[in-house]
Amino acid sequence: MDSQKLPENGAKITRILSEMPSQDSSQATKSKSRFSGKVGRKRTNDMVDGILDYIVVYGESPKGLSRKMRLYYSRHERLEERRLVHAKGKRKQRKKDPLD
């Protein structure tokens, strides 16, 4: 056996670090983005508009939303905008209705 003592797990370094091939890639020079710990956005703008429209029409949140998300959408910044869109749509329907 060598005069060098082997570590307990029996691993032996066979190559010195300077002998290892260097990696010169463009990815190695880019800085990585940092993870903020937050989950990303789960709904697109169209999906959010659909949820807000549901709230405007039916007066309640759709099934399957958590309590936190129901509160979020009930106070959403675009909720009033969606109410105006639906109010304009109702006015147009009234003008087109010949039964009135």
N, C-alpha and C. Protein backbone atom coordinates (compact mmCIF):
# COMPACT_ATOMS: atom_id res chain seq x y z
N MET A 1 0.82 -1.18 0.00
CA MET A 1 0.00 0.00 0.00
C MET A 1 0.87 1.24 0.00
N ASP A 2 0.32 2.36 -0.54
CA ASP A 2 1.07 3.61 -0.61
C ASP A 2 1.35 4.16 0.77
N SER A 3 2.29 5.07 0.81
CA SER A 3 2.59 5.70 2.08
C SER A 3 1.49 6.72 2.44
N GLN A 4 0.67 7.13 1.38
CA GLN A 4 -0.44 8.04 1.65
C GLN A 4 -1.55 7.26 2.33
N LYS A 5 -2.17 7.91 3.26
CA LYS A 5 -3.29 7.29 3.93
C LYS A 5 -4.56 7.54 3.12
N LEU A 6 -5.35 6.52 2.90
CA LEU A 6 -6.62 6.67 2.22
C LEU A 6 -7.67 7.17 3.21
N PRO A 7 -8.57 8.02 2.74
CA PRO A 7 -9.67 8.44 3.62
C PRO A 7 -10.52 7.24 4.01
N GLU A 8 -11.35 7.42 4.98
CA GLU A 8 -12.16 6.32 5.49
C GLU A 8 -13.06 5.71 4.43
N ASN A 9 -13.59 6.53 3.53
CA ASN A 9 -14.51 5.99 2.54
C ASN A 9 -13.80 5.34 1.36
N GLY A 10 -12.50 5.38 1.33
CA GLY A 10 -11.74 4.71 0.29
C GLY A 10 -11.55 5.51 -0.97
N ALA A 11 -12.03 6.75 -1.02
CA ALA A 11 -11.90 7.57 -2.23
C ALA A 11 -10.49 8.09 -2.34
N LYS A 12 -10.02 8.15 -3.57
CA LYS A 12 -8.67 8.64 -3.80
C LYS A 12 -8.72 9.60 -4.97
N ILE A 13 -8.13 10.76 -4.83
CA ILE A 13 -8.09 11.75 -5.90
C ILE A 13 -7.03 11.30 -6.89
N THR A 14 -7.46 11.11 -8.16
CA THR A 14 -6.53 10.64 -9.17
C THR A 14 -6.04 11.75 -10.09
N ARG A 15 -6.79 12.84 -10.17
CA ARG A 15 -6.38 13.95 -11.03
C ARG A 15 -6.34 15.23 -10.22
N ILE A 16 -5.36 16.05 -10.51
CA ILE A 16 -5.25 17.34 -9.86
C ILE A 16 -6.17 18.31 -10.59
N LEU A 17 -6.72 19.28 -9.91
CA LEU A 17 -7.67 20.21 -10.50
C LEU A 17 -7.15 20.92 -11.74
N SER A 18 -5.90 21.26 -11.78
CA SER A 18 -5.36 21.98 -12.94
C SER A 18 -5.38 21.11 -14.19
N GLU A 19 -5.43 19.81 -14.05
CA GLU A 19 -5.48 18.91 -15.19
C GLU A 19 -6.90 18.77 -15.77
N MET A 20 -7.91 19.20 -15.01
CA MET A 20 -9.29 19.08 -15.45
C MET A 20 -9.52 20.04 -16.62
N PRO A 21 -10.27 19.62 -17.65
CA PRO A 21 -10.56 20.53 -18.78
C PRO A 21 -11.42 21.70 -18.31
N SER A 22 -11.14 22.88 -18.84
CA SER A 22 -11.91 24.06 -18.46
C SER A 22 -13.11 24.20 -19.39
N GLN A 23 -14.19 24.71 -18.86
CA GLN A 23 -15.40 24.90 -19.66
C GLN A 23 -15.52 26.37 -20.01
N ASP A 24 -15.38 26.69 -21.28
CA ASP A 24 -15.52 28.05 -21.76
C ASP A 24 -16.82 28.17 -22.52
N SER A 25 -17.90 28.27 -21.81
CA SER A 25 -19.20 28.41 -22.47
C SER A 25 -19.80 29.75 -22.11
N SER A 26 -20.73 30.19 -22.93
CA SER A 26 -21.37 31.47 -22.68
C SER A 26 -22.26 31.41 -21.44
N GLN A 27 -22.75 30.23 -21.12
CA GLN A 27 -23.61 30.09 -19.95
C GLN A 27 -22.82 30.28 -18.66
N ALA A 28 -21.57 29.92 -18.68
CA ALA A 28 -20.76 30.03 -17.48
C ALA A 28 -20.54 31.50 -17.10
N THR A 29 -20.54 32.40 -18.09
CA THR A 29 -20.28 33.81 -17.81
C THR A 29 -21.55 34.56 -17.42
N LYS A 30 -22.75 34.04 -17.76
CA LYS A 30 -23.99 34.72 -17.41
C LYS A 30 -24.25 34.59 -15.92
N SER A 31 -24.78 35.64 -15.36
CA SER A 31 -25.15 35.56 -13.95
C SER A 31 -26.53 34.92 -13.85
N LYS A 32 -26.70 34.09 -12.87
CA LYS A 32 -27.97 33.40 -12.69
C LYS A 32 -28.98 34.35 -12.05
N SER A 33 -30.24 34.19 -12.45
CA SER A 33 -31.27 34.97 -11.80
C SER A 33 -31.53 34.36 -10.42
N ARG A 34 -31.87 35.20 -9.50
CA ARG A 34 -32.07 34.75 -8.13
C ARG A 34 -33.52 34.37 -7.92
N PHE A 35 -33.76 33.31 -7.21
CA PHE A 35 -35.10 32.86 -6.90
C PHE A 35 -35.61 33.65 -5.72
N SER A 36 -36.77 34.27 -5.88
CA SER A 36 -37.30 35.13 -4.83
C SER A 36 -38.10 34.36 -3.79
N GLY A 37 -38.39 33.10 -4.07
CA GLY A 37 -39.17 32.31 -3.13
C GLY A 37 -40.65 32.38 -3.39
N LYS A 38 -41.06 33.18 -4.37
CA LYS A 38 -42.47 33.33 -4.68
C LYS A 38 -42.83 32.43 -5.86
N VAL A 39 -44.08 31.98 -5.85
CA VAL A 39 -44.58 31.19 -6.97
C VAL A 39 -44.91 32.14 -8.11
N GLY A 40 -44.69 31.71 -9.32
CA GLY A 40 -44.97 32.54 -10.47
C GLY A 40 -46.45 32.71 -10.72
N ARG A 41 -46.76 33.51 -11.71
CA ARG A 41 -48.14 33.81 -12.05
C ARG A 41 -48.82 32.56 -12.61
N LYS A 42 -50.01 32.25 -12.13
CA LYS A 42 -50.70 31.04 -12.53
C LYS A 42 -51.80 31.28 -13.55
N ARG A 43 -52.27 32.51 -13.69
CA ARG A 43 -53.37 32.81 -14.61
C ARG A 43 -52.96 33.89 -15.59
N THR A 44 -53.41 33.72 -16.84
CA THR A 44 -53.16 34.73 -17.87
C THR A 44 -54.15 35.87 -17.69
N ASN A 45 -53.95 36.96 -18.43
CA ASN A 45 -54.87 38.09 -18.36
C ASN A 45 -56.28 37.69 -18.77
N ASP A 46 -56.39 36.83 -19.78
CA ASP A 46 -57.71 36.38 -20.22
C ASP A 46 -58.41 35.59 -19.13
N MET A 47 -57.67 34.76 -18.43
CA MET A 47 -58.26 33.97 -17.35
C MET A 47 -58.72 34.88 -16.20
N VAL A 48 -57.92 35.89 -15.89
CA VAL A 48 -58.28 36.84 -14.84
C VAL A 48 -59.54 37.60 -15.25
N ASP A 49 -59.62 38.04 -16.51
CA ASP A 49 -60.82 38.73 -16.99
C ASP A 49 -62.04 37.82 -16.89
N GLY A 50 -61.87 36.54 -17.18
CA GLY A 50 -62.98 35.59 -17.06
C GLY A 50 -63.47 35.47 -15.62
N ILE A 51 -62.55 35.44 -14.68
CA ILE A 51 -62.92 35.36 -13.26
C ILE A 51 -63.62 36.64 -12.83
N LEU A 52 -63.09 37.78 -13.26
CA LEU A 52 -63.71 39.06 -12.91
C LEU A 52 -65.10 39.19 -13.53
N ASP A 53 -65.26 38.72 -14.78
CA ASP A 53 -66.58 38.74 -15.42
C ASP A 53 -67.57 37.87 -14.66
N TYR A 54 -67.12 36.72 -14.21
CA TYR A 54 -67.97 35.82 -13.43
C TYR A 54 -68.45 36.52 -12.15
N ILE A 55 -67.53 37.21 -11.49
CA ILE A 55 -67.87 37.92 -10.26
C ILE A 55 -68.88 39.02 -10.55
N VAL A 56 -68.71 39.74 -11.66
CA VAL A 56 -69.63 40.81 -12.01
C VAL A 56 -71.02 40.26 -12.32
N VAL A 57 -71.09 39.20 -13.10
CA VAL A 57 -72.38 38.65 -13.54
C VAL A 57 -73.12 37.95 -12.40
N TYR A 58 -72.43 37.08 -11.67
CA TYR A 58 -73.09 36.26 -10.66
C TYR A 58 -72.99 36.80 -9.24
N GLY A 59 -72.12 37.77 -9.00
CA GLY A 59 -72.01 38.37 -7.68
C GLY A 59 -71.24 37.53 -6.68
N GLU A 60 -70.60 36.47 -7.13
CA GLU A 60 -69.79 35.63 -6.24
C GLU A 60 -68.61 35.07 -7.02
N SER A 61 -67.62 34.61 -6.29
CA SER A 61 -66.43 34.04 -6.94
C SER A 61 -66.74 32.64 -7.47
N PRO A 62 -66.06 32.24 -8.54
CA PRO A 62 -66.27 30.87 -9.04
C PRO A 62 -65.75 29.84 -8.05
N LYS A 63 -66.28 28.64 -8.16
CA LYS A 63 -65.85 27.54 -7.28
C LYS A 63 -64.40 27.18 -7.57
N GLY A 64 -63.70 26.73 -6.58
CA GLY A 64 -62.33 26.28 -6.76
C GLY A 64 -61.27 27.30 -6.43
N LEU A 65 -61.67 28.51 -6.06
CA LEU A 65 -60.69 29.52 -5.66
C LEU A 65 -60.50 29.45 -4.15
N SER A 66 -59.28 29.64 -3.73
CA SER A 66 -59.01 29.66 -2.29
C SER A 66 -59.57 30.94 -1.69
N ARG A 67 -59.70 30.95 -0.39
CA ARG A 67 -60.22 32.12 0.31
C ARG A 67 -59.37 33.36 0.01
N LYS A 68 -58.09 33.17 0.00
CA LYS A 68 -57.16 34.27 -0.27
C LYS A 68 -57.38 34.84 -1.68
N MET A 69 -57.56 33.95 -2.66
CA MET A 69 -57.75 34.41 -4.04
C MET A 69 -59.14 35.04 -4.22
N ARG A 70 -60.15 34.54 -3.49
CA ARG A 70 -61.48 35.17 -3.56
C ARG A 70 -61.40 36.61 -3.06
N LEU A 71 -60.68 36.81 -1.96
CA LEU A 71 -60.50 38.18 -1.44
C LEU A 71 -59.72 39.04 -2.42
N TYR A 72 -58.70 38.46 -3.03
CA TYR A 72 -57.88 39.19 -3.99
C TYR A 72 -58.72 39.67 -5.17
N TYR A 73 -59.52 38.76 -5.74
CA TYR A 73 -60.32 39.13 -6.92
C TYR A 73 -61.48 40.04 -6.55
N SER A 74 -62.00 39.97 -5.33
CA SER A 74 -63.09 40.87 -4.95
C SER A 74 -62.60 42.31 -4.80
N ARG A 75 -61.29 42.47 -4.66
CA ARG A 75 -60.70 43.82 -4.55
C ARG A 75 -59.78 44.13 -5.73
N HIS A 76 -59.89 43.39 -6.79
CA HIS A 76 -58.97 43.52 -7.92
C HIS A 76 -59.08 44.90 -8.56
N GLU A 77 -57.96 45.41 -9.04
CA GLU A 77 -57.92 46.76 -9.61
C GLU A 77 -58.74 46.88 -10.90
N ARG A 78 -58.92 45.79 -11.64
CA ARG A 78 -59.67 45.85 -12.90
C ARG A 78 -61.13 45.45 -12.75
N LEU A 79 -61.59 45.19 -11.53
CA LEU A 79 -62.97 44.77 -11.33
C LEU A 79 -63.96 45.85 -11.76
N GLU A 80 -63.69 47.09 -11.41
CA GLU A 80 -64.58 48.19 -11.80
C GLU A 80 -64.60 48.36 -13.32
N GLU A 81 -63.47 48.19 -13.94
CA GLU A 81 -63.39 48.26 -15.41
C GLU A 81 -64.28 47.18 -16.05
N ARG A 82 -64.26 45.97 -15.50
CA ARG A 82 -65.09 44.88 -16.03
C ARG A 82 -66.57 45.16 -15.79
N ARG A 83 -66.91 45.83 -14.69
CA ARG A 83 -68.30 46.22 -14.43
C ARG A 83 -68.79 47.19 -15.49
N LEU A 84 -67.93 48.13 -15.85
CA LEU A 84 -68.31 49.11 -16.88
C LEU A 84 -68.51 48.44 -18.24
N VAL A 85 -67.66 47.48 -18.56
CA VAL A 85 -67.77 46.76 -19.82
C VAL A 85 -69.10 46.02 -19.88
N HIS A 86 -69.48 45.38 -18.80
CA HIS A 86 -70.75 44.64 -18.77
C HIS A 86 -71.94 45.57 -18.78
N ALA A 87 -71.82 46.74 -18.14
CA ALA A 87 -72.91 47.71 -18.15
C ALA A 87 -73.15 48.22 -19.57
N LYS A 88 -72.08 48.47 -20.32
CA LYS A 88 -72.22 48.92 -21.71
C LYS A 88 -72.86 47.83 -22.57
N GLY A 89 -72.50 46.59 -22.31
CA GLY A 89 -73.08 45.47 -23.04
C GLY A 89 -74.57 45.34 -22.79
N LYS A 90 -75.00 45.58 -21.56
CA LYS A 90 -76.42 45.51 -21.22
C LYS A 90 -77.19 46.63 -21.91
N ARG A 91 -76.60 47.82 -21.97
CA ARG A 91 -77.26 48.95 -22.64
C ARG A 91 -77.48 48.66 -24.11
N LYS A 92 -76.48 48.07 -24.75
CA LYS A 92 -76.60 47.73 -26.18
C LYS A 92 -77.69 46.70 -26.40
N GLN A 93 -77.82 45.73 -25.48
CA GLN A 93 -78.85 44.70 -25.61
C GLN A 93 -80.23 45.33 -25.47
N ARG A 94 -80.39 46.28 -24.58
CA ARG A 94 -81.69 46.92 -24.38
C ARG A 94 -82.12 47.68 -25.64
N LYS A 95 -81.16 48.33 -26.31
CA LYS A 95 -81.48 49.10 -27.52
C LYS A 95 -81.90 48.18 -28.66
N LYS A 96 -81.30 46.98 -28.73
CA LYS A 96 -81.59 46.04 -29.79
C LYS A 96 -82.88 45.25 -29.56
N ASP A 97 -83.35 45.18 -28.31
CA ASP A 97 -84.54 44.40 -28.00
C ASP A 97 -85.81 45.10 -28.52
N PRO A 98 -86.52 44.54 -29.48
CA PRO A 98 -87.74 45.18 -29.98
C PRO A 98 -88.94 44.95 -29.06
N LEU A 99 -88.81 44.05 -28.08
CA LEU A 99 -89.93 43.74 -27.19
C LEU A 99 -90.17 44.83 -26.16
N ASP A 100 -89.23 45.71 -25.91
CA ASP A 100 -89.38 46.74 -24.88
C ASP A 100 -90.26 47.85 -25.31
